N, C-alpha and C. Protein backbone atom coordinates (compact mmCIF):
# COMPACT_ATOMS: atom_id res chain seq x y z
N MET A 1 0.76 -1.11 0.21
CA MET A 1 0.01 0.15 0.01
C MET A 1 0.74 1.17 -0.04
N ALA A 2 0.55 2.41 -0.99
CA ALA A 2 1.09 3.35 -1.02
C ALA A 2 0.88 4.37 0.02
N SER A 3 2.15 4.90 0.88
CA SER A 3 1.86 6.07 2.02
C SER A 3 1.68 7.29 1.15
N ARG A 4 1.37 8.17 1.90
CA ARG A 4 0.89 9.68 1.54
C ARG A 4 2.08 10.17 0.91
N ASN A 5 3.22 9.89 1.70
CA ASN A 5 4.67 10.29 1.18
C ASN A 5 5.15 9.85 -0.27
N GLU A 6 4.98 8.28 -0.27
CA GLU A 6 5.07 7.51 -1.70
C GLU A 6 4.08 8.00 -2.61
N LEU A 7 3.01 8.41 -2.74
CA LEU A 7 1.88 8.99 -3.30
C LEU A 7 2.17 10.33 -3.76
N SER A 8 2.74 11.12 -3.14
CA SER A 8 3.32 12.54 -3.49
C SER A 8 4.47 12.39 -4.09
N GLN A 9 5.36 11.82 -3.95
CA GLN A 9 6.54 11.32 -4.69
C GLN A 9 6.43 11.11 -6.19
N PHE A 10 5.20 10.05 -6.07
CA PHE A 10 5.06 9.63 -7.63
C PHE A 10 4.16 10.79 -8.23
N LEU A 11 3.56 11.51 -7.71
CA LEU A 11 2.80 12.60 -8.40
C LEU A 11 3.66 13.74 -8.67
N ALA A 12 4.73 14.02 -7.94
CA ALA A 12 5.80 14.87 -8.04
C ALA A 12 6.67 14.55 -9.65
N SER A 13 6.85 13.20 -9.29
CA SER A 13 7.84 12.72 -10.45
C SER A 13 7.06 12.27 -11.94
N THR A 14 5.84 12.78 -11.82
CA THR A 14 5.09 12.48 -13.09
C THR A 14 4.52 13.57 -13.49
N GLU A 15 4.37 14.37 -12.53
CA GLU A 15 3.56 15.67 -13.34
C GLU A 15 4.14 16.45 -14.70
N ARG A 16 5.29 16.76 -14.48
CA ARG A 16 5.80 17.18 -16.00
C ARG A 16 5.67 16.42 -17.08
N ARG A 17 5.92 15.25 -17.32
CA ARG A 17 5.84 14.35 -18.39
C ARG A 17 4.18 14.38 -18.74
N ALA A 18 3.33 14.38 -17.54
CA ALA A 18 1.78 13.91 -17.88
C ALA A 18 1.47 15.05 -18.19
N TYR A 19 1.88 16.25 -18.16
CA TYR A 19 1.59 17.63 -18.71
C TYR A 19 2.03 17.81 -19.91
N LYS A 20 3.29 17.60 -20.22
CA LYS A 20 3.56 17.37 -21.62
C LYS A 20 2.56 16.50 -22.65
N GLN A 21 2.37 15.25 -22.01
CA GLN A 21 1.55 14.46 -22.67
C GLN A 21 0.40 14.99 -22.88
N ALA A 22 -0.32 15.86 -21.88
CA ALA A 22 -1.62 16.51 -22.22
C ALA A 22 -1.59 17.54 -23.28
N VAL A 23 -0.53 18.08 -22.92
CA VAL A 23 -0.15 19.42 -24.30
C VAL A 23 -0.23 18.73 -25.55
N PHE A 24 0.49 17.75 -25.83
CA PHE A 24 0.61 17.36 -26.80
C PHE A 24 -1.00 16.89 -27.28
N ALA A 25 -2.00 16.18 -26.69
CA ALA A 25 -2.92 16.00 -27.03
C ALA A 25 -3.86 16.73 -27.16
N VAL A 26 -4.14 17.87 -26.42
CA VAL A 26 -5.16 18.69 -26.35
C VAL A 26 -4.72 20.16 -27.17
N ARG A 27 -3.68 20.69 -26.99
CA ARG A 27 -2.62 21.39 -27.72
C ARG A 27 -3.10 22.69 -27.15
N ASP A 28 -3.56 22.88 -25.67
CA ASP A 28 -3.57 24.01 -24.94
C ASP A 28 -2.98 23.97 -23.57
N ASP A 29 -2.20 24.77 -23.28
CA ASP A 29 -1.47 24.77 -21.83
C ASP A 29 -2.52 24.92 -20.73
N ASP A 30 -3.51 25.32 -20.67
CA ASP A 30 -4.44 25.58 -19.69
C ASP A 30 -5.42 24.63 -19.42
N ASP A 31 -5.80 23.82 -20.67
CA ASP A 31 -6.70 22.76 -20.67
C ASP A 31 -5.91 21.66 -20.17
N ALA A 32 -4.58 21.50 -20.71
CA ALA A 32 -3.65 20.15 -20.32
C ALA A 32 -3.22 20.47 -18.63
N LEU A 33 -3.20 21.53 -18.32
CA LEU A 33 -3.17 21.34 -16.91
C LEU A 33 -4.32 21.32 -16.05
N ASP A 34 -5.51 21.54 -16.62
CA ASP A 34 -6.80 21.18 -15.98
C ASP A 34 -6.98 19.63 -15.76
N ILE A 35 -6.41 18.82 -17.04
CA ILE A 35 -6.35 17.91 -17.26
C ILE A 35 -5.63 16.62 -16.58
N VAL A 36 -4.42 17.40 -16.21
CA VAL A 36 -3.64 16.62 -15.40
C VAL A 36 -3.77 16.59 -13.86
N GLN A 37 -4.12 17.74 -13.50
CA GLN A 37 -4.47 18.24 -11.92
C GLN A 37 -5.88 17.40 -11.66
N ASP A 38 -6.70 17.27 -12.48
CA ASP A 38 -7.94 16.37 -12.32
C ASP A 38 -7.63 14.68 -12.48
N SER A 39 -6.67 14.60 -13.15
CA SER A 39 -6.26 12.92 -13.11
C SER A 39 -5.31 12.60 -11.86
N MET A 40 -4.54 13.33 -11.55
CA MET A 40 -4.05 13.43 -10.36
C MET A 40 -4.98 13.14 -9.18
N MET A 41 -5.90 14.21 -8.87
CA MET A 41 -6.91 14.21 -7.78
C MET A 41 -7.79 12.88 -7.78
N ARG A 42 -7.95 12.46 -9.26
CA ARG A 42 -8.76 11.03 -9.19
C ARG A 42 -7.66 9.88 -8.81
N LEU A 43 -6.45 9.98 -8.99
CA LEU A 43 -5.65 8.98 -8.91
C LEU A 43 -5.87 8.96 -7.01
N ALA A 44 -5.40 10.08 -6.52
CA ALA A 44 -5.28 10.36 -5.03
C ALA A 44 -6.64 10.01 -4.44
N GLU A 45 -7.71 10.30 -4.73
CA GLU A 45 -9.05 10.12 -4.03
C GLU A 45 -9.39 8.32 -4.58
N ASN A 46 -9.10 7.91 -5.44
CA ASN A 46 -9.65 6.48 -5.83
C ASN A 46 -8.95 5.37 -5.48
N TYR A 47 -7.35 5.80 -5.95
CA TYR A 47 -6.58 4.74 -6.01
C TYR A 47 -5.27 4.87 -4.79
N GLY A 48 -5.40 5.77 -4.11
CA GLY A 48 -4.02 6.30 -3.30
C GLY A 48 -3.87 5.00 -2.17
N ASP A 49 -4.65 4.17 -2.04
CA ASP A 49 -4.60 3.12 -1.33
C ASP A 49 -3.89 1.93 -2.07
N ARG A 50 -3.54 1.98 -3.11
CA ARG A 50 -2.94 0.85 -4.04
C ARG A 50 -1.38 0.80 -3.72
N PRO A 51 -0.88 -0.31 -4.17
CA PRO A 51 0.74 -0.56 -4.12
C PRO A 51 1.18 0.74 -4.81
N VAL A 52 2.78 0.87 -4.84
CA VAL A 52 3.16 1.91 -5.47
C VAL A 52 3.61 1.42 -6.86
N ASP A 53 3.94 0.13 -6.95
CA ASP A 53 4.39 -0.16 -8.50
C ASP A 53 3.08 0.03 -9.21
N GLU A 54 1.53 -0.05 -8.84
CA GLU A 54 0.66 -0.14 -9.33
C GLU A 54 0.24 1.40 -10.07
N LEU A 55 0.73 2.30 -9.44
CA LEU A 55 0.46 3.74 -9.69
C LEU A 55 0.85 3.93 -11.21
N PRO A 56 1.88 3.78 -11.47
CA PRO A 56 2.16 4.20 -12.99
C PRO A 56 0.96 4.16 -14.08
N PRO A 57 0.54 2.67 -14.51
CA PRO A 57 -0.22 2.39 -15.42
C PRO A 57 -1.79 2.81 -14.91
N LEU A 58 -1.97 2.85 -13.67
CA LEU A 58 -3.59 3.40 -13.12
C LEU A 58 -3.33 4.97 -13.56
N PHE A 59 -2.50 5.77 -13.39
CA PHE A 59 -2.32 7.09 -13.44
C PHE A 59 -2.25 7.44 -15.20
N GLN A 60 -1.68 6.42 -15.60
CA GLN A 60 -1.91 6.62 -17.26
C GLN A 60 -3.15 6.29 -17.94
N ARG A 61 -3.99 5.36 -17.41
CA ARG A 61 -5.18 5.13 -17.84
C ARG A 61 -6.38 6.03 -17.47
N ILE A 62 -5.93 6.74 -16.40
CA ILE A 62 -6.94 7.92 -16.01
C ILE A 62 -6.52 9.23 -16.68
N LEU A 63 -5.29 9.56 -16.96
CA LEU A 63 -4.76 10.54 -17.85
C LEU A 63 -5.39 10.47 -19.19
N GLN A 64 -5.17 9.11 -19.75
CA GLN A 64 -5.78 8.91 -21.34
C GLN A 64 -7.30 8.97 -21.23
N ASN A 65 -7.87 8.53 -20.07
CA ASN A 65 -9.62 8.76 -20.23
C ASN A 65 -9.75 10.03 -20.06
N ALA A 66 -9.12 11.09 -19.09
CA ALA A 66 -9.29 12.59 -19.06
C ALA A 66 -9.23 12.97 -20.47
N ILE A 67 -8.20 12.67 -21.34
CA ILE A 67 -7.84 13.52 -22.47
C ILE A 67 -9.19 13.03 -23.38
N ARG A 68 -9.56 11.75 -23.17
CA ARG A 68 -10.74 11.47 -24.20
C ARG A 68 -11.86 12.26 -23.68
N ASP A 69 -12.31 12.48 -22.41
CA ASP A 69 -13.49 12.90 -22.32
C ASP A 69 -13.47 14.44 -22.15
N PHE A 70 -12.15 15.02 -22.30
CA PHE A 70 -12.15 16.25 -22.86
C PHE A 70 -12.41 16.44 -24.32
N TYR A 71 -12.07 15.42 -25.07
CA TYR A 71 -12.53 15.63 -26.35
C TYR A 71 -13.75 15.63 -26.43
N ARG A 72 -14.51 14.53 -26.07
CA ARG A 72 -15.91 14.19 -26.10
C ARG A 72 -16.88 15.66 -25.71
N ARG A 73 -16.35 16.37 -24.46
CA ARG A 73 -16.89 17.42 -24.00
C ARG A 73 -16.86 18.60 -25.20
N SER A 74 -15.63 18.72 -25.83
CA SER A 74 -15.56 19.80 -26.76
C SER A 74 -16.27 19.54 -27.89
N ARG A 75 -16.50 18.40 -28.26
CA ARG A 75 -17.21 17.77 -29.34
C ARG A 75 -18.76 18.29 -29.24
N THR A 76 -19.10 17.77 -27.77
CA THR A 76 -20.58 18.14 -27.81
C THR A 76 -20.69 19.84 -27.76
N ARG A 77 -19.95 20.41 -26.94
CA ARG A 77 -19.78 21.90 -26.67
C ARG A 77 -20.13 22.76 -28.12
N MET A 78 -19.10 22.23 -28.85
CA MET A 78 -19.09 22.95 -30.35
C MET A 78 -20.51 22.74 -31.03
N ARG A 79 -20.97 21.58 -30.96
CA ARG A 79 -22.54 21.20 -31.62
C ARG A 79 -23.52 22.34 -30.79
N HIS A 80 -23.35 22.52 -29.83
CA HIS A 80 -24.74 23.16 -28.95
C HIS A 80 -24.13 24.63 -28.64
N THR A 81 -23.07 25.27 -28.67
CA THR A 81 -23.27 26.53 -28.41
C THR A 81 -22.48 27.07 -29.92
N VAL A 82 -22.74 28.41 -29.44
CA VAL A 82 -22.16 29.77 -30.89
C VAL A 82 -20.70 30.05 -30.28
N SER A 83 -19.86 30.18 -31.38
CA SER A 83 -18.76 30.68 -31.21
C SER A 83 -18.72 32.18 -31.02
N LEU A 84 -18.50 32.84 -29.66
CA LEU A 84 -18.27 34.16 -29.76
C LEU A 84 -16.76 34.88 -29.32
N THR A 85 -16.22 34.15 -30.53
CA THR A 85 -14.57 34.60 -30.29
C THR A 85 -14.20 36.16 -30.76
N SER A 86 -15.23 36.40 -31.89
CA SER A 86 -15.36 37.85 -32.06
C SER A 86 -15.53 38.94 -31.26
N LEU A 87 -15.92 38.36 -30.05
CA LEU A 87 -16.13 39.31 -28.88
C LEU A 87 -15.13 39.72 -27.99
N GLU A 88 -14.33 38.48 -28.14
CA GLU A 88 -13.12 38.17 -27.03
C GLU A 88 -12.22 39.32 -27.63
N PRO A 89 -11.33 40.09 -26.43
CA PRO A 89 -10.17 40.76 -27.13
C PRO A 89 -9.02 39.61 -27.54
N SER A 90 -8.30 40.33 -28.33
CA SER A 90 -7.14 39.58 -29.00
C SER A 90 -6.35 38.90 -28.45
N GLU A 91 -5.40 38.30 -29.01
CA GLU A 91 -4.64 37.32 -27.80
C GLU A 91 -3.29 38.56 -27.47
N ASP A 92 -2.98 39.15 -28.30
CA ASP A 92 -1.93 40.17 -27.83
C ASP A 92 -2.55 40.82 -26.58
N GLU A 93 -3.80 41.37 -26.51
CA GLU A 93 -4.06 41.80 -24.87
C GLU A 93 -4.05 41.46 -23.93
N LEU A 94 -4.09 39.88 -24.01
CA LEU A 94 -4.33 39.22 -22.76
C LEU A 94 -2.81 38.71 -22.50
N THR A 95 -1.75 38.62 -23.29
CA THR A 95 -0.67 38.21 -22.96
C THR A 95 0.59 38.81 -22.08
N ASP A 96 0.92 38.47 -21.03
CA ASP A 96 2.18 39.22 -20.23
C ASP A 96 3.03 38.58 -20.79
N PRO A 97 4.19 39.23 -21.15
CA PRO A 97 5.36 38.80 -21.92
C PRO A 97 6.18 38.20 -20.78
N LEU A 98 6.08 38.70 -19.73
CA LEU A 98 6.83 37.68 -18.44
C LEU A 98 6.38 36.42 -18.34
N GLU A 99 5.14 36.20 -18.60
CA GLU A 99 4.49 34.91 -18.40
C GLU A 99 5.09 34.06 -19.57
N THR A 100 5.55 34.43 -20.78
CA THR A 100 5.85 33.46 -21.76
C THR A 100 7.08 33.06 -21.68
N ILE A 101 7.83 33.37 -20.71
CA ILE A 101 9.13 32.91 -20.32
C ILE A 101 9.46 31.59 -19.96
N GLU A 102 9.85 30.54 -20.21
CA GLU A 102 9.56 29.25 -19.61
C GLU A 102 11.08 29.13 -19.31
N VAL A 103 11.03 28.57 -17.93
CA VAL A 103 12.36 28.07 -17.17
C VAL A 103 12.51 26.58 -17.42
N ASP A 104 13.68 26.09 -17.81
CA ASP A 104 13.90 24.96 -18.37
C ASP A 104 15.02 24.26 -17.04
N GLU A 105 14.20 23.52 -16.17
CA GLU A 105 15.29 22.91 -15.06
C GLU A 105 15.96 21.87 -15.22
N GLU A 106 16.08 21.67 -16.59
CA GLU A 106 17.38 20.70 -16.92
C GLU A 106 18.48 21.58 -17.75
N TYR A 107 18.46 22.79 -17.53
CA TYR A 107 19.46 23.80 -18.19
C TYR A 107 20.74 23.45 -17.33
N ASN A 108 21.78 23.42 -18.38
CA ASN A 108 22.93 23.36 -17.82
C ASN A 108 23.79 24.46 -18.32
N PRO A 109 24.15 25.20 -17.13
CA PRO A 109 24.46 26.21 -17.20
C PRO A 109 26.38 26.44 -17.50
N PHE A 110 26.83 25.11 -17.42
CA PHE A 110 28.14 24.90 -17.81
C PHE A 110 28.46 24.38 -19.24
N ALA A 111 27.38 24.13 -20.18
CA ALA A 111 27.47 23.68 -21.19
C ALA A 111 27.69 24.89 -22.21
N THR A 112 28.27 24.64 -23.34
CA THR A 112 28.72 25.82 -23.95
C THR A 112 27.39 26.45 -24.64
N PRO A 113 27.08 27.60 -24.79
CA PRO A 113 25.98 27.98 -25.51
C PRO A 113 25.87 27.62 -26.92
N PRO A 114 26.68 27.22 -28.11
CA PRO A 114 25.99 26.45 -28.97
C PRO A 114 25.56 25.06 -28.99
N ALA A 115 26.17 24.39 -28.13
CA ALA A 115 25.52 22.82 -27.46
C ALA A 115 23.99 23.16 -26.62
N ALA A 116 24.11 24.20 -26.10
CA ALA A 116 22.68 24.44 -25.31
C ALA A 116 21.64 24.85 -26.08
N LEU A 117 22.24 25.54 -27.28
CA LEU A 117 21.01 26.11 -28.30
C LEU A 117 20.80 25.00 -29.29
N LEU A 118 21.76 24.18 -29.41
CA LEU A 118 21.37 22.98 -30.46
C LEU A 118 20.65 21.97 -29.65
N GLN A 119 20.62 21.88 -28.25
CA GLN A 119 19.80 21.05 -27.61
C GLN A 119 18.58 21.64 -27.59
N VAL A 120 18.26 22.37 -27.53
CA VAL A 120 16.90 23.40 -27.31
C VAL A 120 16.17 22.97 -28.69
N GLU A 121 16.89 23.66 -29.87
CA GLU A 121 16.41 23.31 -31.27
C GLU A 121 15.69 22.21 -31.45
N THR A 122 16.75 20.96 -31.14
CA THR A 122 16.56 19.77 -31.24
C THR A 122 15.33 19.31 -30.50
N LEU A 123 15.39 19.40 -29.46
CA LEU A 123 13.75 19.20 -28.44
C LEU A 123 12.65 19.76 -29.09
N HIS A 124 12.69 21.21 -29.39
CA HIS A 124 11.57 21.74 -30.26
C HIS A 124 11.37 20.97 -31.50
N LEU A 125 12.43 20.84 -32.33
CA LEU A 125 11.89 19.81 -33.42
C LEU A 125 11.09 18.53 -32.92
N ILE A 126 11.40 18.04 -32.32
CA ILE A 126 11.25 16.52 -31.65
C ILE A 126 9.55 16.81 -31.27
N GLU A 127 9.48 17.88 -30.28
CA GLU A 127 7.83 18.14 -29.91
C GLU A 127 7.08 18.24 -31.00
N GLU A 128 7.62 19.12 -31.94
CA GLU A 128 6.70 19.30 -33.17
C GLU A 128 6.39 18.01 -33.95
N ALA A 129 7.34 17.39 -34.07
CA ALA A 129 7.26 16.25 -34.68
C ALA A 129 6.20 15.32 -34.31
N LEU A 130 6.70 15.21 -32.54
CA LEU A 130 5.55 14.60 -31.95
C LEU A 130 3.81 15.45 -31.95
N LYS A 131 3.73 16.47 -32.15
CA LYS A 131 2.47 17.05 -32.51
C LYS A 131 1.79 16.39 -33.65
N ASN A 132 2.59 16.17 -34.41
CA ASN A 132 2.06 15.66 -35.94
C ASN A 132 1.38 14.17 -36.22
N LEU A 133 1.75 13.44 -35.34
CA LEU A 133 1.57 12.30 -35.03
C LEU A 133 0.04 11.86 -34.84
N PRO A 134 -0.65 11.06 -35.38
CA PRO A 134 -1.87 11.02 -35.24
C PRO A 134 -1.92 10.47 -33.67
N PRO A 135 -3.39 10.73 -32.95
CA PRO A 135 -3.17 10.72 -31.61
C PRO A 135 -2.97 9.34 -31.08
N ARG A 136 -3.67 8.23 -31.64
CA ARG A 136 -3.34 6.88 -31.13
C ARG A 136 -1.59 6.59 -31.10
N GLN A 137 -1.02 6.86 -31.99
CA GLN A 137 0.32 6.36 -32.35
C GLN A 137 1.18 7.31 -31.17
N ARG A 138 0.68 8.91 -31.05
CA ARG A 138 1.42 9.48 -30.08
C ARG A 138 1.36 8.97 -28.70
N GLU A 139 -0.24 8.74 -28.30
CA GLU A 139 -0.21 8.05 -26.95
C GLU A 139 0.70 6.92 -26.96
N ALA A 140 0.86 5.72 -27.79
CA ALA A 140 1.48 4.37 -27.84
C ALA A 140 3.17 4.81 -27.40
N PHE A 141 3.48 5.76 -28.11
CA PHE A 141 4.96 6.26 -28.32
C PHE A 141 5.28 7.04 -26.87
N LEU A 142 4.33 7.61 -26.34
CA LEU A 142 4.71 8.76 -25.03
C LEU A 142 4.71 7.41 -23.98
N LEU A 143 3.68 6.93 -23.96
CA LEU A 143 3.48 5.88 -22.81
C LEU A 143 4.91 4.70 -22.95
N ARG A 144 5.08 4.20 -23.98
CA ARG A 144 6.14 3.44 -23.91
C ARG A 144 7.43 3.96 -23.81
N TYR A 145 8.14 4.90 -24.38
CA TYR A 145 9.04 5.46 -24.56
C TYR A 145 9.26 6.90 -23.68
N TRP A 146 8.39 7.24 -23.27
CA TRP A 146 8.47 8.42 -22.48
C TRP A 146 8.32 8.06 -21.05
N GLU A 147 7.32 7.56 -20.79
CA GLU A 147 6.72 6.83 -19.43
C GLU A 147 7.52 5.78 -19.07
N GLY A 148 8.02 4.99 -19.95
CA GLY A 148 8.76 3.70 -19.86
C GLY A 148 7.86 2.29 -19.37
N LEU A 149 6.54 2.53 -19.60
CA LEU A 149 5.83 1.41 -19.44
C LEU A 149 5.86 0.42 -20.34
N ASP A 150 5.90 -0.78 -20.19
CA ASP A 150 6.05 -1.99 -20.92
C ASP A 150 4.87 -2.14 -21.76
N ILE A 151 4.68 -3.29 -22.81
CA ILE A 151 3.94 -3.46 -23.51
C ILE A 151 2.36 -3.47 -23.18
N ALA A 152 2.62 -4.36 -21.94
CA ALA A 152 1.17 -5.10 -21.50
C ALA A 152 0.73 -3.56 -20.62
N GLU A 153 1.26 -3.09 -19.76
CA GLU A 153 1.17 -1.61 -19.33
C GLU A 153 0.07 -0.84 -19.99
N THR A 154 1.15 -0.47 -21.35
CA THR A 154 0.53 0.58 -22.53
C THR A 154 -0.46 0.04 -22.91
N ALA A 155 -0.66 -1.47 -23.29
CA ALA A 155 -2.06 -1.95 -23.86
C ALA A 155 -3.23 -1.73 -22.58
N SER A 156 -2.90 -1.75 -21.56
CA SER A 156 -3.95 -1.62 -20.42
C SER A 156 -4.41 -0.12 -20.27
N ALA A 157 -3.20 0.96 -20.53
CA ALA A 157 -3.67 1.92 -20.42
C ALA A 157 -4.51 2.60 -21.58
N MET A 158 -4.18 1.96 -22.68
CA MET A 158 -4.56 2.37 -23.87
C MET A 158 -5.90 1.62 -24.58
N SER A 159 -6.54 0.41 -23.52
CA SER A 159 -7.34 -0.33 -23.77
C SER A 159 -7.56 -0.63 -25.23
N CYS A 160 -6.30 -1.51 -25.28
CA CYS A 160 -6.04 -2.12 -26.62
C CYS A 160 -5.15 -3.40 -26.49
N SER A 161 -5.17 -4.18 -27.46
CA SER A 161 -4.31 -5.31 -27.49
C SER A 161 -2.60 -4.77 -27.71
N GLU A 162 -1.96 -5.72 -27.13
CA GLU A 162 -0.68 -5.67 -27.01
C GLU A 162 -0.01 -5.59 -28.28
N GLY A 163 -0.53 -6.42 -29.53
CA GLY A 163 -0.12 -6.02 -30.88
C GLY A 163 -0.67 -4.37 -31.42
N SER A 164 -1.30 -4.15 -30.87
CA SER A 164 -2.14 -2.86 -31.21
C SER A 164 -0.90 -1.65 -30.85
N VAL A 165 -0.45 -2.17 -29.53
CA VAL A 165 0.44 -0.92 -28.84
C VAL A 165 1.98 -1.21 -29.76
N LYS A 166 2.54 -2.38 -30.54
CA LYS A 166 3.49 -2.26 -31.09
C LYS A 166 3.51 -1.96 -32.44
N THR A 167 2.18 -2.06 -33.05
CA THR A 167 2.11 -1.36 -34.27
C THR A 167 1.85 0.03 -34.09
N HIS A 168 1.22 0.52 -33.33
CA HIS A 168 1.30 2.05 -32.92
C HIS A 168 2.51 2.68 -32.96
N CYS A 169 3.29 1.61 -31.81
CA CYS A 169 4.81 2.15 -31.74
C CYS A 169 5.84 2.43 -33.20
N SER A 170 5.86 1.40 -33.72
CA SER A 170 6.49 1.21 -34.79
C SER A 170 6.36 1.97 -35.85
N ARG A 171 4.85 2.43 -36.17
CA ARG A 171 4.73 3.48 -37.08
C ARG A 171 4.81 5.14 -36.53
N ALA A 172 4.63 5.09 -35.29
CA ALA A 172 5.01 6.45 -34.54
C ALA A 172 6.87 6.73 -34.76
N THR A 173 7.32 5.55 -34.56
CA THR A 173 8.84 5.52 -34.43
C THR A 173 9.56 5.85 -36.33
N HIS A 174 8.81 5.18 -37.21
CA HIS A 174 9.19 5.46 -38.53
C HIS A 174 8.87 6.68 -38.69
N THR A 175 7.70 7.38 -38.33
CA THR A 175 7.44 8.60 -38.94
C THR A 175 8.26 9.67 -38.24
N LEU A 176 8.35 9.68 -36.75
CA LEU A 176 9.50 10.37 -36.23
C LEU A 176 10.78 10.35 -36.92
N ALA A 177 11.53 9.29 -37.34
CA ALA A 177 12.72 9.03 -37.62
C ALA A 177 12.50 10.15 -39.11
N THR A 178 11.41 9.72 -40.12
CA THR A 178 11.20 10.41 -41.00
C THR A 178 11.33 12.06 -41.03
N ALA A 179 10.48 12.24 -40.16
CA ALA A 179 10.64 13.49 -40.35
C ALA A 179 11.56 14.30 -39.50
N LEU A 180 12.41 13.67 -38.45
CA LEU A 180 13.32 14.50 -38.08
C LEU A 180 14.68 14.22 -39.21
N LYS A 181 14.57 13.31 -39.87
CA LYS A 181 15.62 13.04 -40.85
C LYS A 181 15.60 14.15 -41.81
N ALA A 182 14.36 14.47 -42.15
CA ALA A 182 13.79 15.44 -43.31
C ALA A 182 14.49 16.59 -42.46
N LYS A 183 14.68 17.08 -41.18
CA LYS A 183 14.90 18.40 -40.51
C LYS A 183 16.86 18.37 -40.35
N GLY A 184 17.05 17.20 -40.85
CA GLY A 184 18.62 16.95 -40.72
C GLY A 184 19.42 16.34 -39.12
N ILE A 185 18.28 15.79 -38.59
CA ILE A 185 18.33 15.14 -37.29
C ILE A 185 18.68 13.59 -37.63
N ARG A 186 19.96 13.27 -37.46
CA ARG A 186 20.47 12.07 -37.72
C ARG A 186 20.30 11.10 -36.26
N PRO A 187 19.89 9.64 -36.14
CA PRO A 187 20.17 9.12 -34.69
C PRO A 187 21.48 9.23 -34.30
């Protein structure tokens, strides 16, 4: 059984990766943050008493279901509401320049500036390539290679067969390799 401290450590260790996963899926920072927070709350409230080794696949399942629920709600909302975006102020009026600065916690101040720039640009290209993957391929790829889940755990989180996970991962890997090779990034 997971103690309060173990649950807290698990959530702290997974929050950033989960947030990136949600951003890739919904393409909106605020919605992604809401999804991750709701998923963490559900895990803590409903499964906080489970053993620590069961938490990663449970959390991924909750997160993926929350992302799917977000899409269902947004489709329903779009059918039943009128767009009022013309009445909203422009995006430039709402943006504070200081809020757009991102702090990279993994930044190495001792790295040479060209190496640091190359790393940031490469990560940006990889993130853009990930955004362009079909949703199921992106989900399988992130769960397997980013979250480190095995094939069975990924299949459970995605509610599909292990063969589907392998197919999605293979297609995602080939698509990413081709896209990155076109940008000049070699393995």
